[in-house]
């Protein structure tokens, strides 16, 4: 074998070894971040309505959360539904805490990317690579967030959200636990399963949402927060809401009265 061929072979072996090391590192990093995300959501699920603000500050600190103040409601005379305004006025938080976990950074509220230079560089690579290739390389795009709403020094509501690239579209799972339903025409209900359209920077999709109050049953509370965590890092990815939240959709099939504005898919 000539020196040139030997050199080429060695370079090829080194390149393959480097590629394998990068792939293993990306997979391991993704698994680590998925574990952090699930831990954050689990801790958030233990927060109760009425807990003191002080009791959740360690959670906020552990996951690098930040505090922000929501804007005021528009004047009452601008609202067509005055009853809805009166209802919403009582739901306005003094401020909120937002916590986020994502392997490759999430956009902040001002549109800037969080994370180090490395995560920003990986984000650029993610945006350039086809979705199927991203999954194989361990670069599936996903993010989780927890929102804690504070009113009068106590927790008014807590929510957990996960957004993940599926095989054909973005998929979302969200639960919101609050002392009251988000709209006045829902105030008599204690548990609702709903859906929402997702509009992401690089595509769209569908999310399933569960809304619950302290009046919800233990079963409803449990299934509202349950989703398929394998969607975050599996190479094949998840396909539709049946993969993301099968238990919630099965419950909805048995209890259609829990449906909000959702047309439940047929799951097999």
C-alpha atoms as a PDB file:
ATOM      1  CA  UNK A   1       0.000   0.000   0.000  1.00  0.00           C
ATOM      2  CA  UNK A   2       1.403   3.393  -0.942  1.00  0.00           C
ATOM      3  CA  UNK A   3       2.025   6.091   1.617  1.00  0.00           C
ATOM      4  CA  UNK A   4      -0.738   8.220   0.072  1.00  0.00           C
ATOM      5  CA  UNK A   5      -3.316   5.441   0.388  1.00  0.00           C
ATOM      6  CA  UNK A   6      -2.161   4.675   3.915  1.00  0.00           C
ATOM      7  CA  UNK A   7      -2.539   8.342   4.870  1.00  0.00           C
ATOM      8  CA  UNK A   8      -6.012   8.535   3.325  1.00  0.00           C
ATOM      9  CA  UNK A   9      -7.070   5.376   5.175  1.00  0.00           C
ATOM     10  CA  UNK A  10      -5.787   6.739   8.476  1.00  0.00           C
ATOM     11  CA  UNK A  11      -7.559  10.038   7.938  1.00  0.00           C
ATOM     12  CA  UNK A  12     -10.760   8.186   7.101  1.00  0.00           C
ATOM     13  CA  UNK A  13     -10.514   6.091  10.275  1.00  0.00           C
ATOM     14  CA  UNK A  14      -9.869   9.221  12.358  1.00  0.00           C
ATOM     15  CA  UNK A  15     -12.844  10.966  10.749  1.00  0.00           C
ATOM     16  CA  UNK A  16     -15.085   7.969  11.469  1.00  0.00           C
ATOM     17  CA  UNK A  17     -13.901   7.828  15.078  1.00  0.00           C
ATOM     18  CA  UNK A  18     -14.495  11.557  15.522  1.00  0.00           C
ATOM     19  CA  UNK A  19     -17.942  11.237  13.933  1.00  0.00           C
ATOM     20  CA  UNK A  20     -18.819   8.320  16.213  1.00  0.00           C
ATOM     21  CA  UNK A  21     -17.608  10.243  19.261  1.00  0.00           C
ATOM     22  CA  UNK A  22     -19.691  13.276  18.290  1.00  0.00           C
ATOM     23  CA  UNK A  23     -22.766  11.088  17.715  1.00  0.00           C
ATOM     24  CA  UNK A  24     -22.360   9.335  21.084  1.00  0.00           C
ATOM     25  CA  UNK A  25     -21.831  12.693  22.790  1.00  0.00           C
ATOM     26  CA  UNK A  26     -24.944  14.206  21.198  1.00  0.00           C
ATOM     27  CA  UNK A  27     -27.053  11.184  22.145  1.00  0.00           C
ATOM     28  CA  UNK A  28     -25.746  11.249  25.722  1.00  0.00           C
ATOM     29  CA  UNK A  29     -26.302  14.983  26.000  1.00  0.00           C
ATOM     30  CA  UNK A  30     -29.847  14.646  24.665  1.00  0.00           C
ATOM     31  CA  UNK A  31     -30.607  11.893  27.179  1.00  0.00           C
ATOM     32  CA  UNK A  32     -29.195  14.017  30.007  1.00  0.00           C
ATOM     33  CA  UNK A  33     -31.284  17.027  29.028  1.00  0.00           C
ATOM     34  CA  UNK A  34     -34.394  14.836  28.668  1.00  0.00           C
ATOM     35  CA  UNK A  35     -33.806  13.575  32.209  1.00  0.00           C
ATOM     36  CA  UNK A  36     -33.499  17.165  33.451  1.00  0.00           C
ATOM     37  CA  UNK A  37     -36.685  18.127  31.617  1.00  0.00           C
ATOM     38  CA  UNK A  38     -38.663  15.246  33.104  1.00  0.00           C
ATOM     39  CA  UNK A  39     -37.305  16.038  36.573  1.00  0.00           C
ATOM     40  CA  UNK A  40     -38.354  19.682  36.192  1.00  0.00           C
ATOM     41  CA  UNK A  41     -41.865  18.706  35.106  1.00  0.00           C
ATOM     42  CA  UNK A  42     -42.135  16.198  37.962  1.00  0.00           C
ATOM     43  CA  UNK A  43     -41.109  18.820  40.508  1.00  0.00           C
ATOM     44  CA  UNK A  44     -43.564  21.314  39.030  1.00  0.00           C
ATOM     45  CA  UNK A  45     -46.355  18.742  39.309  1.00  0.00           C
ATOM     46  CA  UNK A  46     -45.853  18.691  43.084  1.00  0.00           C
ATOM     47  CA  UNK A  47     -46.535  22.422  43.382  1.00  0.00           C
ATOM     48  CA  UNK A  48     -49.980  23.100  44.830  1.00  0.00           C
ATOM     49  CA  UNK A  49     -52.284  26.063  44.333  1.00  0.00           C
ATOM     50  CA  UNK A  50     -51.860  28.372  47.320  1.00  0.00           C
ATOM     51  CA  UNK A  51     -48.237  27.386  48.021  1.00  0.00           C
ATOM     52  CA  UNK A  52     -46.108  30.332  49.058  1.00  0.00           C
ATOM     53  CA  UNK A  53     -43.815  32.008  46.569  1.00  0.00           C
ATOM     54  CA  UNK A  54     -40.854  31.257  48.845  1.00  0.00           C
ATOM     55  CA  UNK A  55     -41.562  27.517  48.621  1.00  0.00           C
ATOM     56  CA  UNK A  56     -41.027  27.472  44.827  1.00  0.00           C
ATOM     57  CA  UNK A  57     -37.931  29.666  44.618  1.00  0.00           C
ATOM     58  CA  UNK A  58     -35.553  26.694  44.910  1.00  0.00           C
ATOM     59  CA  UNK A  59     -37.281  25.087  41.932  1.00  0.00           C
ATOM     60  CA  UNK A  60     -36.928  28.329  39.975  1.00  0.00           C
ATOM     61  CA  UNK A  61     -33.248  28.619  40.868  1.00  0.00           C
ATOM     62  CA  UNK A  62     -32.441  24.972  40.111  1.00  0.00           C
ATOM     63  CA  UNK A  63     -33.580  25.323  36.505  1.00  0.00           C
ATOM     64  CA  UNK A  64     -32.407  28.866  35.866  1.00  0.00           C
ATOM     65  CA  UNK A  65     -35.888  30.379  35.832  1.00  0.00           C
ATOM     66  CA  UNK A  66     -36.554  34.056  35.359  1.00  0.00           C
ATOM     67  CA  UNK A  67     -39.228  36.413  36.650  1.00  0.00           C
ATOM     68  CA  UNK A  68     -41.404  38.570  34.419  1.00  0.00           C
ATOM     69  CA  UNK A  69     -44.491  40.737  34.756  1.00  0.00           C
ATOM     70  CA  UNK A  70     -47.448  40.231  32.381  1.00  0.00           C
ATOM     71  CA  UNK A  71     -48.967  43.264  30.729  1.00  0.00           C
ATOM     72  CA  UNK A  72     -52.244  44.770  31.976  1.00  0.00           C
ATOM     73  CA  UNK A  73     -55.620  43.979  30.454  1.00  0.00           C
ATOM     74  CA  UNK A  74     -56.972  46.388  27.898  1.00  0.00           C
ATOM     75  CA  UNK A  75     -59.695  48.753  29.228  1.00  0.00           C
ATOM     76  CA  UNK A  76     -63.047  47.153  29.992  1.00  0.00           C
ATOM     77  CA  UNK A  77     -64.838  49.272  27.402  1.00  0.00           C
ATOM     78  CA  UNK A  78     -62.745  47.597  24.683  1.00  0.00           C
ATOM     79  CA  UNK A  79     -64.096  44.167  25.555  1.00  0.00           C
ATOM     80  CA  UNK A  80     -67.189  42.891  23.735  1.00  0.00           C
ATOM     81  CA  UNK A  81     -67.770  40.352  26.508  1.00  0.00           C
ATOM     82  CA  UNK A  82     -67.773  42.365  29.739  1.00  0.00           C
ATOM     83  CA  UNK A  83     -68.277  39.239  31.844  1.00  0.00           C
ATOM     84  CA  UNK A  84     -65.101  37.802  30.382  1.00  0.00           C
ATOM     85  CA  UNK A  85     -63.213  40.976  31.288  1.00  0.00           C
ATOM     86  CA  UNK A  86     -64.472  40.820  34.885  1.00  0.00           C
ATOM     87  CA  UNK A  87     -63.432  37.178  35.050  1.00  0.00           C
ATOM     88  CA  UNK A  88     -59.997  37.770  33.550  1.00  0.00           C
ATOM     89  CA  UNK A  89     -59.335  40.703  35.879  1.00  0.00           C
ATOM     90  CA  UNK A  90     -59.281  38.317  38.827  1.00  0.00           C
ATOM     91  CA  UNK A  91     -56.848  35.999  37.045  1.00  0.00           C
ATOM     92  CA  UNK A  92     -54.151  38.585  36.333  1.00  0.00           C
ATOM     93  CA  UNK A  93     -50.941  37.593  38.094  1.00  0.00           C
ATOM     94  CA  UNK A  94     -48.667  39.974  39.962  1.00  0.00           C
ATOM     95  CA  UNK A  95     -45.776  38.319  38.133  1.00  0.00           C
ATOM     96  CA  UNK A  96     -44.670  34.924  36.813  1.00  0.00           C
ATOM     97  CA  UNK A  97     -41.652  32.661  36.831  1.00  0.00           C
ATOM     98  CA  UNK A  98     -40.647  30.829  33.654  1.00  0.00           C
ATOM     99  CA  UNK A  99     -38.332  27.797  33.651  1.00  0.00           C
ATOM    100  CA  UNK A 100     -37.009  26.145  30.488  1.00  0.00           C
ATOM    101  CA  UNK A 101     -35.035  23.043  29.561  1.00  0.00           C
ATOM    102  CA  UNK A 102     -33.996  22.351  25.971  1.00  0.00           C
ATOM    103  CA  UNK A 103     -30.882  20.571  24.691  1.00  0.00           C
ATOM    104  CA  UNK A 104     -30.068  23.232  22.109  1.00  0.00           C
ATOM    105  CA  UNK A 105     -31.523  26.407  23.572  1.00  0.00           C
ATOM    106  CA  UNK A 106     -34.904  28.083  23.430  1.00  0.00           C
ATOM    107  CA  UNK A 107     -35.856  31.561  22.264  1.00  0.00           C
ATOM    108  CA  UNK A 108     -36.273  34.039  25.099  1.00  0.00           C
ATOM    109  CA  UNK A 109     -39.237  36.402  25.291  1.00  0.00           C
ATOM    110  CA  UNK A 110     -37.226  39.071  23.436  1.00  0.00           C
ATOM    111  CA  UNK A 111     -36.377  36.707  20.588  1.00  0.00           C
ATOM    112  CA  UNK A 112     -32.725  36.049  21.481  1.00  0.00           C
ATOM    113  CA  UNK A 113     -31.223  32.601  21.754  1.00  0.00           C
ATOM    114  CA  UNK A 114     -30.303  31.279  25.167  1.00  0.00           C
ATOM    115  CA  UNK A 115     -27.280  29.072  25.694  1.00  0.00           C
ATOM    116  CA  UNK A 116     -23.548  29.029  25.063  1.00  0.00           C
ATOM    117  CA  UNK A 117     -21.710  29.505  21.785  1.00  0.00           C
ATOM    118  CA  UNK A 118     -21.678  25.725  21.416  1.00  0.00           C
ATOM    119  CA  UNK A 119     -25.473  25.400  21.727  1.00  0.00           C
ATOM    120  CA  UNK A 120     -25.964  28.318  19.339  1.00  0.00           C
ATOM    121  CA  UNK A 121     -23.619  26.657  16.822  1.00  0.00           C
ATOM    122  CA  UNK A 122     -25.521  23.381  17.161  1.00  0.00           C
ATOM    123  CA  UNK A 123     -28.788  25.274  16.692  1.00  0.00           C
ATOM    124  CA  UNK A 124     -27.464  26.604  13.383  1.00  0.00           C
ATOM    125  CA  UNK A 125     -26.584  23.045  12.342  1.00  0.00           C
ATOM    126  CA  UNK A 126     -30.011  21.786  13.413  1.00  0.00           C
ATOM    127  CA  UNK A 127     -31.781  24.364  11.288  1.00  0.00           C
ATOM    128  CA  UNK A 128     -29.661  23.397   8.290  1.00  0.00           C
ATOM    129  CA  UNK A 129     -30.126  19.604   8.570  1.00  0.00           C
ATOM    130  CA  UNK A 130     -33.221  17.680   7.376  1.00  0.00           C
ATOM    131  CA  UNK A 131     -35.554  16.632  10.208  1.00  0.00           C
ATOM    132  CA  UNK A 132     -35.007  12.883   9.623  1.00  0.00           C
ATOM    133  CA  UNK A 133     -31.242  13.289   9.747  1.00  0.00           C
ATOM    134  CA  UNK A 134     -31.468  15.386  12.914  1.00  0.00           C
ATOM    135  CA  UNK A 135     -33.231  12.537  14.718  1.00  0.00           C
ATOM    136  CA  UNK A 136     -30.581  10.001  13.695  1.00  0.00           C
ATOM    137  CA  UNK A 137     -27.775  12.310  14.808  1.00  0.00           C
ATOM    138  CA  UNK A 138     -29.364  12.896  18.205  1.00  0.00           C
ATOM    139  CA  UNK A 139     -30.291  16.483  17.363  1.00  0.00           C
ATOM    140  CA  UNK A 140     -34.065  16.281  17.548  1.00  0.00           C
ATOM    141  CA  UNK A 141     -35.502  19.716  18.288  1.00  0.00           C
ATOM    142  CA  UNK A 142     -37.545  19.923  21.494  1.00  0.00           C
ATOM    143  CA  UNK A 143     -38.086  22.052  24.548  1.00  0.00           C
ATOM    144  CA  UNK A 144     -39.936  22.034  27.863  1.00  0.00           C
ATOM    145  CA  UNK A 145     -41.162  24.917  29.987  1.00  0.00           C
ATOM    146  CA  UNK A 146     -42.806  25.468  33.355  1.00  0.00           C
ATOM    147  CA  UNK A 147     -44.767  28.599  34.228  1.00  0.00           C
ATOM    148  CA  UNK A 148     -45.532  29.613  37.820  1.00  0.00           C
ATOM    149  CA  UNK A 149     -48.066  32.405  38.275  1.00  0.00           C
ATOM    150  CA  UNK A 150     -47.865  34.348  41.551  1.00  0.00           C
ATOM    151  CA  UNK A 151     -50.624  36.465  43.054  1.00  0.00           C
ATOM    152  CA  UNK A 152     -50.464  37.952  46.547  1.00  0.00           C
ATOM    153  CA  UNK A 153     -47.318  35.978  47.411  1.00  0.00           C
ATOM    154  CA  UNK A 154     -48.903  32.615  46.611  1.00  0.00           C
ATOM    155  CA  UNK A 155     -49.038  30.294  43.612  1.00  0.00           C
ATOM    156  CA  UNK A 156     -52.092  31.060  41.503  1.00  0.00           C
ATOM    157  CA  UNK A 157     -51.381  28.552  38.728  1.00  0.00           C
ATOM    158  CA  UNK A 158     -48.663  26.208  37.490  1.00  0.00           C
ATOM    159  CA  UNK A 159     -48.279  24.755  34.027  1.00  0.00           C
ATOM    160  CA  UNK A 160     -45.933  22.419  32.195  1.00  0.00           C
ATOM    161  CA  UNK A 161     -45.402  22.338  28.442  1.00  0.00           C
ATOM    162  CA  UNK A 162     -43.412  20.161  26.047  1.00  0.00           C
ATOM    163  CA  UNK A 163     -42.875  20.854  22.342  1.00  0.00           C
ATOM    164  CA  UNK A 164     -41.141  18.264  20.159  1.00  0.00           C
ATOM    165  CA  UNK A 165     -40.541  17.580  16.495  1.00  0.00           C
ATOM    166  CA  UNK A 166     -42.539  14.557  15.401  1.00  0.00           C
ATOM    167  CA  UNK A 167     -42.140  12.479  12.262  1.00  0.00           C
ATOM    168  CA  UNK A 168     -44.365  14.735  10.188  1.00  0.00           C
ATOM    169  CA  UNK A 169     -45.183  17.786  12.337  1.00  0.00           C
ATOM    170  CA  UNK A 170     -44.515  19.522  15.631  1.00  0.00           C
ATOM    171  CA  UNK A 171     -46.313  17.982  18.607  1.00  0.00           C
ATOM    172  CA  UNK A 172     -47.160  19.554  21.937  1.00  0.00           C
ATOM    173  CA  UNK A 173     -48.321  18.502  25.377  1.00  0.00           C
ATOM    174  CA  UNK A 174     -49.406  20.985  28.031  1.00  0.00           C
ATOM    175  CA  UNK A 175     -51.152  20.896  31.377  1.00  0.00           C
ATOM    176  CA  UNK A 176     -52.334  23.847  33.429  1.00  0.00           C
ATOM    177  CA  UNK A 177     -53.322  23.559  37.093  1.00  0.00           C
ATOM    178  CA  UNK A 178     -55.053  26.678  38.414  1.00  0.00           C
ATOM    179  CA  UNK A 179     -57.548  27.807  41.019  1.00  0.00           C
ATOM    180  CA  UNK A 180     -59.967  28.702  38.203  1.00  0.00           C
ATOM    181  CA  UNK A 181     -60.549  27.804  34.568  1.00  0.00           C
ATOM    182  CA  UNK A 182     -59.067  30.233  31.993  1.00  0.00           C
ATOM    183  CA  UNK A 183     -62.454  31.524  30.696  1.00  0.00           C
ATOM    184  CA  UNK A 184     -65.691  32.411  32.439  1.00  0.00           C
ATOM    185  CA  UNK A 185     -67.818  30.079  30.312  1.00  0.00           C
ATOM    186  CA  UNK A 186     -65.728  27.166  31.639  1.00  0.00           C
ATOM    187  CA  UNK A 187     -65.780  28.104  35.313  1.00  0.00           C
ATOM    188  CA  UNK A 188     -68.183  25.337  36.337  1.00  0.00           C
ATOM    189  CA  UNK A 189     -65.821  22.645  34.988  1.00  0.00           C
ATOM    190  CA  UNK A 190     -62.897  21.112  36.868  1.00  0.00           C
ATOM    191  CA  UNK A 191     -61.158  19.177  34.074  1.00  0.00           C
ATOM    192  CA  UNK A 192     -61.025  19.821  30.331  1.00  0.00           C
ATOM    193  CA  UNK A 193     -58.967  18.250  27.543  1.00  0.00           C
ATOM    194  CA  UNK A 194     -58.432  20.641  24.663  1.00  0.00           C
ATOM    195  CA  UNK A 195     -56.199  21.113  21.642  1.00  0.00           C
ATOM    196  CA  UNK A 196     -54.272  23.928  20.012  1.00  0.00           C
ATOM    197  CA  UNK A 197     -52.556  24.683  16.718  1.00  0.00           C
ATOM    198  CA  UNK A 198     -48.785  25.091  16.888  1.00  0.00           C
ATOM    199  CA  UNK A 199     -46.976  27.606  14.714  1.00  0.00           C
ATOM    200  CA  UNK A 200     -43.241  27.141  15.041  1.00  0.00           C
ATOM    201  CA  UNK A 201     -40.351  28.888  13.318  1.00  0.00           C
ATOM    202  CA  UNK A 202     -39.674  25.815  11.177  1.00  0.00           C
ATOM    203  CA  UNK A 203     -43.156  24.315  10.792  1.00  0.00           C
ATOM    204  CA  UNK A 204     -46.515  23.786  12.421  1.00  0.00           C
ATOM    205  CA  UNK A 205     -48.382  21.099  14.285  1.00  0.00           C
ATOM    206  CA  UNK A 206     -50.857  20.228  17.020  1.00  0.00           C
ATOM    207  CA  UNK A 207     -50.835  20.206  20.810  1.00  0.00           C
ATOM    208  CA  UNK A 208     -53.033  18.534  23.396  1.00  0.00           C
ATOM    209  CA  UNK A 209     -53.861  20.610  26.490  1.00  0.00           C
ATOM    210  CA  UNK A 210     -55.313  19.590  29.830  1.00  0.00           C
ATOM    211  CA  UNK A 211     -56.872  22.226  32.081  1.00  0.00           C
ATOM    212  CA  UNK A 212     -57.613  21.318  35.665  1.00  0.00           C
ATOM    213  CA  UNK A 213     -58.512  22.881  39.005  1.00  0.00           C
ATOM    214  CA  UNK A 214     -58.230  21.529  42.581  1.00  0.00           C
ATOM    215  CA  UNK A 215     -61.654  19.935  42.047  1.00  0.00           C
ATOM    216  CA  UNK A 216     -60.253  17.425  39.512  1.00  0.00           C
ATOM    217  CA  UNK A 217     -59.984  13.785  40.560  1.00  0.00           C
ATOM    218  CA  UNK A 218     -56.646  12.119  41.309  1.00  0.00           C
ATOM    219  CA  UNK A 219     -56.981  10.119  38.074  1.00  0.00           C
ATOM    220  CA  UNK A 220     -57.558  13.272  36.043  1.00  0.00           C
ATOM    221  CA  UNK A 221     -54.598  15.032  37.638  1.00  0.00           C
ATOM    222  CA  UNK A 222     -52.317  12.086  36.907  1.00  0.00           C
ATOM    223  CA  UNK A 223     -53.270  11.545  33.279  1.00  0.00           C
ATOM    224  CA  UNK A 224     -53.243  15.293  32.531  1.00  0.00           C
ATOM    225  CA  UNK A 225     -49.522  15.396  33.287  1.00  0.00           C
ATOM    226  CA  UNK A 226     -48.597  12.114  31.625  1.00  0.00           C
ATOM    227  CA  UNK A 227     -46.993  12.107  28.189  1.00  0.00           C
ATOM    228  CA  UNK A 228     -44.696   9.843  26.222  1.00  0.00           C
ATOM    229  CA  UNK A 229     -41.195  11.005  27.165  1.00  0.00           C
ATOM    230  CA  UNK A 230     -39.704   8.713  24.506  1.00  0.00           C
ATOM    231  CA  UNK A 231     -40.859  11.285  21.928  1.00  0.00           C
ATOM    232  CA  UNK A 232     -37.937  13.474  22.964  1.00  0.00           C
ATOM    233  CA  UNK A 233     -35.066  11.245  21.939  1.00  0.00           C
ATOM    234  CA  UNK A 234     -36.326   8.245  19.975  1.00  0.00           C
ATOM    235  CA  UNK A 235     -34.750   7.955  16.531  1.00  0.00           C
ATOM    236  CA  UNK A 236     -38.074   7.127  14.839  1.00  0.00           C
ATOM    237  CA  UNK A 237     -39.914   9.953  16.607  1.00  0.00           C
ATOM    238  CA  UNK A 238     -43.597  10.217  17.484  1.00  0.00           C
ATOM    239  CA  UNK A 239     -46.415  10.547  15.013  1.00  0.00           C
ATOM    240  CA  UNK A 240     -49.464  12.488  16.180  1.00  0.00           C
ATOM    241  CA  UNK A 241     -51.170  13.046  19.507  1.00  0.00           C
ATOM    242  CA  UNK A 242     -51.916   9.327  19.914  1.00  0.00           C
ATOM    243  CA  UNK A 243     -48.184   8.780  20.408  1.00  0.00           C
ATOM    244  CA  UNK A 244     -47.766  11.818  22.654  1.00  0.00           C
ATOM    245  CA  UNK A 245     -50.651  11.372  25.097  1.00  0.00           C
ATOM    246  CA  UNK A 246     -52.410   8.013  24.632  1.00  0.00           C
ATOM    247  CA  UNK A 247     -53.812   7.911  28.176  1.00  0.00           C
ATOM    248  CA  UNK A 248     -55.497  11.298  27.908  1.00  0.00           C
ATOM    249  CA  UNK A 249     -57.091  10.383  24.583  1.00  0.00           C
ATOM    250  CA  UNK A 250     -58.287   7.040  25.929  1.00  0.00           C
ATOM    251  CA  UNK A 251     -59.856   8.864  28.901  1.00  0.00           C
ATOM    252  CA  UNK A 252     -61.526  11.291  26.502  1.00  0.00           C
ATOM    253  CA  UNK A 253     -62.999   8.390  24.566  1.00  0.00           C
ATOM    254  CA  UNK A 254     -64.567   7.070  27.763  1.00  0.00           C
ATOM    255  CA  UNK A 255     -65.532  10.527  29.108  1.00  0.00           C
ATOM    256  CA  UNK A 256     -66.554  12.737  26.142  1.00  0.00           C
ATOM    257  CA  UNK A 257     -67.937  15.323  28.585  1.00  0.00           C
ATOM    258  CA  UNK A 258     -64.322  16.273  29.382  1.00  0.00           C
ATOM    259  CA  UNK A 259     -63.743  17.493  25.814  1.00  0.00           C
ATOM    260  CA  UNK A 260     -63.123  21.127  25.069  1.00  0.00           C
ATOM    261  CA  UNK A 261     -62.443  22.368  21.548  1.00  0.00           C
ATOM    262  CA  UNK A 262     -60.852  19.121  20.396  1.00  0.00           C
ATOM    263  CA  UNK A 263     -61.632  16.545  17.750  1.00  0.00           C
ATOM    264  CA  UNK A 264     -59.971  13.476  19.239  1.00  0.00           C
ATOM    265  CA  UNK A 265     -58.061  11.344  16.735  1.00  0.00           C
ATOM    266  CA  UNK A 266     -58.750   7.628  16.432  1.00  0.00           C
ATOM    267  CA  UNK A 267     -55.886   5.853  18.175  1.00  0.00           C
ATOM    268  CA  UNK A 268     -55.002   2.254  17.389  1.00  0.00           C
END
